[in-house]
Amino acid sequence: MREHRELVQGWLEKARRDLIIAERELQRQVPFTDIACFHAQQAVEKGLKALLTWHGTIPPRTHVLEDLALLLARYEPEAEVKVDEVAQLTPYAVASRYPEFPDPSLEEAQTGVATARGLLDWIMDTAQRGGA
């Protein structure tokens, strides 16, 4: 198994890459908003799981970002105030992958990706402060 610090860094790198994909998709002439939103959600999910891993908690297998943020709040109190923000992204984990659900509008996708950017910046800052 990978060393603890390497595992945390692996989660953070995957999160960073998901956000890059989300931002790149919105720059396309005709962006796939569902793909952008899915990767925005994934970026935050992986970032939260990185911080949980750093604190010695095995992240639960869930896409519900609110649950991850509340669990993280045990170690990082500021995570509790992020619950409403992360909740905006949770639906994109599943709904964006299935045809039964409408694709997000361009405005919704831009908002979702911007929210993910802000959250991932906070996650990266928190990880850096913690020595991850």
N, C-alpha and C. Protein backbone atom coordinates (compact mmCIF):
# COMPACT_ATOMS: atom_id res chain seq x y z
N MET A 1 0.84 -1.19 0.00
CA MET A 1 0.00 0.00 0.00
C MET A 1 0.89 1.25 0.00
N ARG A 2 0.40 2.25 -0.67
CA ARG A 2 1.17 3.49 -0.75
C ARG A 2 1.32 4.12 0.62
N GLU A 3 2.43 4.80 0.80
CA GLU A 3 2.67 5.54 2.02
C GLU A 3 1.54 6.56 2.20
N HIS A 4 1.21 6.85 3.44
CA HIS A 4 0.10 7.74 3.78
C HIS A 4 0.18 9.08 3.03
N ARG A 5 1.31 9.72 3.09
CA ARG A 5 1.47 11.03 2.44
C ARG A 5 1.29 10.92 0.93
N GLU A 6 1.81 9.85 0.34
CA GLU A 6 1.66 9.64 -1.11
C GLU A 6 0.20 9.44 -1.48
N LEU A 7 -0.54 8.73 -0.63
CA LEU A 7 -1.95 8.51 -0.89
C LEU A 7 -2.71 9.83 -0.87
N VAL A 8 -2.43 10.66 0.11
CA VAL A 8 -3.06 11.98 0.20
C VAL A 8 -2.72 12.80 -1.04
N GLN A 9 -1.46 12.81 -1.41
CA GLN A 9 -1.05 13.56 -2.60
C GLN A 9 -1.71 13.00 -3.87
N GLY A 10 -1.88 11.68 -3.91
CA GLY A 10 -2.58 11.07 -5.04
C GLY A 10 -4.02 11.54 -5.16
N TRP A 11 -4.73 11.59 -4.02
CA TRP A 11 -6.09 12.11 -4.02
C TRP A 11 -6.12 13.56 -4.51
N LEU A 12 -5.19 14.36 -4.00
CA LEU A 12 -5.17 15.78 -4.38
C LEU A 12 -4.86 15.96 -5.86
N GLU A 13 -3.97 15.16 -6.39
CA GLU A 13 -3.64 15.25 -7.81
C GLU A 13 -4.84 14.84 -8.67
N LYS A 14 -5.53 13.80 -8.28
CA LYS A 14 -6.74 13.39 -9.03
C LYS A 14 -7.78 14.51 -8.98
N ALA A 15 -7.92 15.14 -7.81
CA ALA A 15 -8.87 16.25 -7.67
C ALA A 15 -8.49 17.40 -8.60
N ARG A 16 -7.21 17.73 -8.61
CA ARG A 16 -6.71 18.83 -9.45
C ARG A 16 -7.00 18.53 -10.93
N ARG A 17 -6.77 17.30 -11.34
CA ARG A 17 -7.00 16.93 -12.74
C ARG A 17 -8.48 17.00 -13.10
N ASP A 18 -9.35 16.55 -12.19
CA ASP A 18 -10.78 16.65 -12.47
C ASP A 18 -11.20 18.10 -12.67
N LEU A 19 -10.67 18.99 -11.86
CA LEU A 19 -11.03 20.40 -12.00
C LEU A 19 -10.51 20.96 -13.32
N ILE A 20 -9.32 20.56 -13.72
CA ILE A 20 -8.78 21.00 -15.01
C ILE A 20 -9.71 20.57 -16.14
N ILE A 21 -10.16 19.33 -16.10
CA ILE A 21 -11.07 18.83 -17.14
C ILE A 21 -12.37 19.64 -17.15
N ALA A 22 -12.92 19.91 -15.96
CA ALA A 22 -14.16 20.69 -15.87
C ALA A 22 -13.97 22.08 -16.47
N GLU A 23 -12.87 22.73 -16.12
CA GLU A 23 -12.62 24.10 -16.63
C GLU A 23 -12.35 24.08 -18.13
N ARG A 24 -11.62 23.10 -18.60
CA ARG A 24 -11.35 23.00 -20.05
C ARG A 24 -12.64 22.79 -20.83
N GLU A 25 -13.50 21.96 -20.30
CA GLU A 25 -14.75 21.67 -21.00
C GLU A 25 -15.57 22.94 -21.20
N LEU A 26 -15.58 23.81 -20.22
CA LEU A 26 -16.36 25.05 -20.34
C LEU A 26 -15.75 26.02 -21.34
N GLN A 27 -14.50 25.82 -21.71
CA GLN A 27 -13.85 26.69 -22.70
C GLN A 27 -14.14 26.26 -24.14
N ARG A 28 -14.71 25.09 -24.30
CA ARG A 28 -15.03 24.59 -25.65
C ARG A 28 -16.14 25.43 -26.27
N GLN A 29 -16.16 25.44 -27.59
CA GLN A 29 -17.19 26.22 -28.29
C GLN A 29 -18.59 25.74 -27.91
N VAL A 30 -18.77 24.44 -27.85
CA VAL A 30 -20.04 23.87 -27.40
C VAL A 30 -19.71 22.92 -26.25
N PRO A 31 -19.70 23.44 -25.03
CA PRO A 31 -19.29 22.61 -23.89
C PRO A 31 -20.34 21.56 -23.52
N PHE A 32 -19.85 20.44 -23.07
CA PHE A 32 -20.73 19.42 -22.52
C PHE A 32 -20.88 19.75 -21.03
N THR A 33 -21.98 20.40 -20.71
CA THR A 33 -22.17 20.89 -19.34
C THR A 33 -22.27 19.75 -18.33
N ASP A 34 -22.84 18.63 -18.76
CA ASP A 34 -22.94 17.49 -17.84
C ASP A 34 -21.56 16.97 -17.45
N ILE A 35 -20.66 16.93 -18.42
CA ILE A 35 -19.29 16.45 -18.17
C ILE A 35 -18.55 17.44 -17.26
N ALA A 36 -18.71 18.73 -17.52
CA ALA A 36 -18.06 19.74 -16.69
C ALA A 36 -18.54 19.64 -15.24
N CYS A 37 -19.84 19.48 -15.06
CA CYS A 37 -20.39 19.40 -13.70
C CYS A 37 -19.97 18.12 -13.00
N PHE A 38 -19.95 17.02 -13.73
CA PHE A 38 -19.51 15.75 -13.14
C PHE A 38 -18.08 15.88 -12.62
N HIS A 39 -17.20 16.43 -13.44
CA HIS A 39 -15.80 16.55 -13.02
C HIS A 39 -15.62 17.59 -11.91
N ALA A 40 -16.46 18.61 -11.87
CA ALA A 40 -16.42 19.57 -10.77
C ALA A 40 -16.76 18.86 -9.46
N GLN A 41 -17.81 18.05 -9.49
CA GLN A 41 -18.20 17.30 -8.30
C GLN A 41 -17.09 16.34 -7.89
N GLN A 42 -16.52 15.64 -8.86
CA GLN A 42 -15.46 14.68 -8.58
C GLN A 42 -14.23 15.35 -7.98
N ALA A 43 -13.91 16.54 -8.44
CA ALA A 43 -12.75 17.27 -7.89
C ALA A 43 -12.93 17.51 -6.40
N VAL A 44 -14.11 17.97 -6.02
CA VAL A 44 -14.36 18.26 -4.62
C VAL A 44 -14.43 16.97 -3.80
N GLU A 45 -15.08 15.96 -4.34
CA GLU A 45 -15.15 14.68 -3.63
C GLU A 45 -13.76 14.14 -3.33
N LYS A 46 -12.90 14.14 -4.31
CA LYS A 46 -11.54 13.61 -4.13
C LYS A 46 -10.72 14.50 -3.19
N GLY A 47 -10.95 15.80 -3.26
CA GLY A 47 -10.25 16.71 -2.35
C GLY A 47 -10.66 16.48 -0.90
N LEU A 48 -11.95 16.32 -0.67
CA LEU A 48 -12.42 16.06 0.69
C LEU A 48 -11.89 14.72 1.19
N LYS A 49 -11.86 13.74 0.31
CA LYS A 49 -11.33 12.42 0.69
C LYS A 49 -9.84 12.50 0.98
N ALA A 50 -9.13 13.39 0.30
CA ALA A 50 -7.70 13.59 0.60
C ALA A 50 -7.52 14.09 2.03
N LEU A 51 -8.32 15.08 2.41
CA LEU A 51 -8.20 15.63 3.77
C LEU A 51 -8.60 14.61 4.82
N LEU A 52 -9.63 13.85 4.54
CA LEU A 52 -10.03 12.80 5.49
C LEU A 52 -8.90 11.79 5.65
N THR A 53 -8.29 11.41 4.53
CA THR A 53 -7.18 10.46 4.57
C THR A 53 -6.03 11.03 5.37
N TRP A 54 -5.74 12.31 5.17
CA TRP A 54 -4.65 12.97 5.91
C TRP A 54 -4.89 12.88 7.42
N HIS A 55 -6.16 12.99 7.81
CA HIS A 55 -6.50 12.94 9.23
C HIS A 55 -6.66 11.50 9.74
N GLY A 56 -6.33 10.53 8.91
CA GLY A 56 -6.35 9.15 9.35
C GLY A 56 -7.70 8.47 9.28
N THR A 57 -8.63 9.07 8.57
CA THR A 57 -9.96 8.49 8.41
C THR A 57 -10.07 7.89 7.02
N ILE A 58 -10.50 6.66 6.96
CA ILE A 58 -10.74 6.03 5.66
C ILE A 58 -12.01 6.65 5.10
N PRO A 59 -11.93 7.30 3.94
CA PRO A 59 -13.12 7.96 3.39
C PRO A 59 -14.22 6.95 3.06
N PRO A 60 -15.44 7.25 3.42
CA PRO A 60 -16.53 6.35 3.05
C PRO A 60 -16.76 6.36 1.55
N ARG A 61 -17.29 5.27 1.05
CA ARG A 61 -17.62 5.19 -0.38
C ARG A 61 -18.97 5.87 -0.60
N THR A 62 -18.89 7.15 -0.82
CA THR A 62 -20.09 7.95 -1.05
C THR A 62 -19.76 9.09 -1.99
N HIS A 63 -20.81 9.53 -2.69
CA HIS A 63 -20.67 10.72 -3.54
C HIS A 63 -21.37 11.91 -2.89
N VAL A 64 -21.90 11.74 -1.69
CA VAL A 64 -22.64 12.79 -1.00
C VAL A 64 -21.62 13.71 -0.31
N LEU A 65 -21.38 14.83 -0.94
CA LEU A 65 -20.34 15.74 -0.46
C LEU A 65 -20.65 16.31 0.92
N GLU A 66 -21.92 16.50 1.23
CA GLU A 66 -22.28 17.02 2.54
C GLU A 66 -21.82 16.06 3.64
N ASP A 67 -22.00 14.77 3.41
CA ASP A 67 -21.57 13.77 4.40
C ASP A 67 -20.06 13.83 4.59
N LEU A 68 -19.33 13.97 3.50
CA LEU A 68 -17.87 14.05 3.59
C LEU A 68 -17.44 15.31 4.34
N ALA A 69 -18.08 16.44 4.04
CA ALA A 69 -17.73 17.70 4.70
C ALA A 69 -18.03 17.64 6.19
N LEU A 70 -19.17 17.06 6.55
CA LEU A 70 -19.51 16.95 7.98
C LEU A 70 -18.56 16.02 8.72
N LEU A 71 -18.14 14.96 8.07
CA LEU A 71 -17.15 14.06 8.67
C LEU A 71 -15.82 14.78 8.84
N LEU A 72 -15.44 15.54 7.82
CA LEU A 72 -14.19 16.30 7.87
C LEU A 72 -14.23 17.38 8.96
N ALA A 73 -15.41 17.91 9.24
CA ALA A 73 -15.55 18.98 10.25
C ALA A 73 -15.07 18.55 11.63
N ARG A 74 -14.99 17.25 11.87
CA ARG A 74 -14.45 16.76 13.15
C ARG A 74 -12.99 17.18 13.33
N TYR A 75 -12.30 17.35 12.20
CA TYR A 75 -10.87 17.69 12.21
C TYR A 75 -10.61 19.11 11.73
N GLU A 76 -11.43 19.55 10.80
CA GLU A 76 -11.30 20.88 10.20
C GLU A 76 -12.64 21.59 10.38
N PRO A 77 -12.82 22.34 11.48
CA PRO A 77 -14.12 22.96 11.77
C PRO A 77 -14.68 23.81 10.63
N GLU A 78 -13.82 24.41 9.84
CA GLU A 78 -14.29 25.25 8.74
C GLU A 78 -15.08 24.45 7.70
N ALA A 79 -14.86 23.15 7.66
CA ALA A 79 -15.58 22.30 6.70
C ALA A 79 -17.09 22.35 6.92
N GLU A 80 -17.50 22.59 8.15
CA GLU A 80 -18.93 22.63 8.44
C GLU A 80 -19.61 23.79 7.72
N VAL A 81 -18.92 24.91 7.59
CA VAL A 81 -19.53 26.04 6.88
C VAL A 81 -19.51 25.86 5.37
N LYS A 82 -18.82 24.84 4.90
CA LYS A 82 -18.76 24.55 3.46
C LYS A 82 -19.88 23.61 3.02
N VAL A 83 -20.69 23.11 3.96
CA VAL A 83 -21.70 22.11 3.64
C VAL A 83 -22.68 22.60 2.59
N ASP A 84 -23.16 23.83 2.71
CA ASP A 84 -24.12 24.34 1.73
C ASP A 84 -23.49 24.45 0.34
N GLU A 85 -22.23 24.84 0.30
CA GLU A 85 -21.53 24.94 -0.99
C GLU A 85 -21.37 23.57 -1.64
N VAL A 86 -20.88 22.61 -0.87
CA VAL A 86 -20.66 21.28 -1.46
C VAL A 86 -21.97 20.64 -1.87
N ALA A 87 -23.04 20.94 -1.16
CA ALA A 87 -24.35 20.37 -1.47
C ALA A 87 -24.81 20.73 -2.87
N GLN A 88 -24.37 21.88 -3.37
CA GLN A 88 -24.73 22.30 -4.73
C GLN A 88 -24.17 21.34 -5.78
N LEU A 89 -23.06 20.70 -5.46
CA LEU A 89 -22.38 19.84 -6.43
C LEU A 89 -22.78 18.38 -6.34
N THR A 90 -23.28 17.95 -5.20
CA THR A 90 -23.60 16.54 -5.00
C THR A 90 -24.47 15.94 -6.11
N PRO A 91 -25.53 16.61 -6.56
CA PRO A 91 -26.37 15.99 -7.60
C PRO A 91 -25.62 15.64 -8.89
N TYR A 92 -24.53 16.32 -9.16
CA TYR A 92 -23.80 16.07 -10.40
C TYR A 92 -23.05 14.75 -10.41
N ALA A 93 -22.92 14.11 -9.25
CA ALA A 93 -22.22 12.83 -9.18
C ALA A 93 -22.97 11.75 -9.93
N VAL A 94 -24.28 11.83 -9.90
CA VAL A 94 -25.09 10.79 -10.53
C VAL A 94 -25.93 11.34 -11.67
N ALA A 95 -26.66 12.41 -11.41
CA ALA A 95 -27.59 12.93 -12.41
C ALA A 95 -26.92 13.27 -13.73
N SER A 96 -25.70 13.73 -13.67
CA SER A 96 -25.01 14.14 -14.90
C SER A 96 -24.61 12.95 -15.76
N ARG A 97 -24.70 11.74 -15.22
CA ARG A 97 -24.26 10.55 -15.96
C ARG A 97 -25.39 9.81 -16.65
N TYR A 98 -26.62 10.19 -16.41
CA TYR A 98 -27.74 9.41 -16.93
C TYR A 98 -28.67 10.27 -17.78
N PRO A 99 -29.20 9.66 -18.85
CA PRO A 99 -30.03 10.43 -19.79
C PRO A 99 -31.39 10.83 -19.24
N GLU A 100 -31.82 10.24 -18.14
CA GLU A 100 -33.13 10.60 -17.59
C GLU A 100 -33.15 12.03 -17.05
N PHE A 101 -31.97 12.55 -16.75
CA PHE A 101 -31.87 13.87 -16.16
C PHE A 101 -31.43 14.88 -17.22
N PRO A 102 -32.00 16.09 -17.19
CA PRO A 102 -31.58 17.10 -18.18
C PRO A 102 -30.16 17.58 -17.89
N ASP A 103 -29.47 17.96 -18.95
CA ASP A 103 -28.13 18.53 -18.78
C ASP A 103 -28.24 19.89 -18.09
N PRO A 104 -27.26 20.20 -17.26
CA PRO A 104 -27.25 21.54 -16.65
C PRO A 104 -27.12 22.61 -17.73
N SER A 105 -27.67 23.76 -17.46
CA SER A 105 -27.50 24.89 -18.38
C SER A 105 -26.04 25.34 -18.33
N LEU A 106 -25.64 26.15 -19.28
CA LEU A 106 -24.28 26.68 -19.27
C LEU A 106 -24.05 27.50 -18.00
N GLU A 107 -25.03 28.30 -17.61
CA GLU A 107 -24.90 29.10 -16.39
C GLU A 107 -24.74 28.20 -15.16
N GLU A 108 -25.53 27.14 -15.08
CA GLU A 108 -25.41 26.20 -13.95
C GLU A 108 -24.02 25.57 -13.93
N ALA A 109 -23.54 25.19 -15.10
CA ALA A 109 -22.22 24.56 -15.18
C ALA A 109 -21.12 25.55 -14.78
N GLN A 110 -21.22 26.78 -15.24
CA GLN A 110 -20.23 27.78 -14.87
C GLN A 110 -20.23 28.02 -13.36
N THR A 111 -21.41 28.07 -12.78
CA THR A 111 -21.52 28.25 -11.33
C THR A 111 -20.94 27.04 -10.60
N GLY A 112 -21.26 25.86 -11.07
CA GLY A 112 -20.76 24.64 -10.43
C GLY A 112 -19.25 24.54 -10.48
N VAL A 113 -18.68 24.85 -11.62
CA VAL A 113 -17.22 24.77 -11.77
C VAL A 113 -16.55 25.86 -10.93
N ALA A 114 -17.12 27.04 -10.88
CA ALA A 114 -16.56 28.11 -10.04
C ALA A 114 -16.64 27.72 -8.56
N THR A 115 -17.73 27.11 -8.16
CA THR A 115 -17.87 26.65 -6.78
C THR A 115 -16.81 25.60 -6.47
N ALA A 116 -16.62 24.68 -7.39
CA ALA A 116 -15.60 23.64 -7.20
C ALA A 116 -14.21 24.25 -7.12
N ARG A 117 -13.94 25.26 -7.93
CA ARG A 117 -12.63 25.94 -7.90
C ARG A 117 -12.39 26.53 -6.50
N GLY A 118 -13.38 27.24 -5.98
CA GLY A 118 -13.23 27.84 -4.66
C GLY A 118 -13.04 26.79 -3.57
N LEU A 119 -13.80 25.73 -3.65
CA LEU A 119 -13.68 24.66 -2.65
C LEU A 119 -12.34 23.95 -2.76
N LEU A 120 -11.91 23.69 -3.97
CA LEU A 120 -10.62 23.00 -4.13
C LEU A 120 -9.47 23.90 -3.70
N ASP A 121 -9.58 25.20 -3.92
CA ASP A 121 -8.55 26.12 -3.41
C ASP A 121 -8.48 26.04 -1.89
N TRP A 122 -9.66 26.01 -1.23
CA TRP A 122 -9.69 25.88 0.23
C TRP A 122 -9.09 24.54 0.66
N ILE A 123 -9.43 23.47 -0.04
CA ILE A 123 -8.90 22.14 0.29
C ILE A 123 -7.38 22.13 0.16
N MET A 124 -6.86 22.67 -0.94
CA MET A 124 -5.41 22.68 -1.16
C MET A 124 -4.71 23.52 -0.09
N ASP A 125 -5.28 24.67 0.26
CA ASP A 125 -4.71 25.51 1.32
C ASP A 125 -4.72 24.77 2.65
N THR A 126 -5.81 24.09 2.95
CA THR A 126 -5.93 23.35 4.20
C THR A 126 -4.90 22.22 4.23
N ALA A 127 -4.75 21.53 3.12
CA ALA A 127 -3.78 20.43 3.04
C ALA A 127 -2.37 20.96 3.22
N GLN A 128 -2.07 22.08 2.59
CA GLN A 128 -0.73 22.65 2.70
C GLN A 128 -0.44 23.11 4.13
N ARG A 129 -1.43 23.75 4.77
CA ARG A 129 -1.26 24.16 6.16
C ARG A 129 -1.03 22.97 7.08
N GLY A 130 -1.67 21.86 6.74
CA GLY A 130 -1.54 20.66 7.57
C GLY A 130 -0.30 19.84 7.26
N GLY A 131 0.43 20.25 6.25
CA GLY A 131 1.65 19.53 5.90
C GLY A 131 1.45 18.35 4.97
N ALA A 132 0.28 18.28 4.36
CA ALA A 132 0.00 17.16 3.45
C ALA A 132 0.80 17.28 2.17
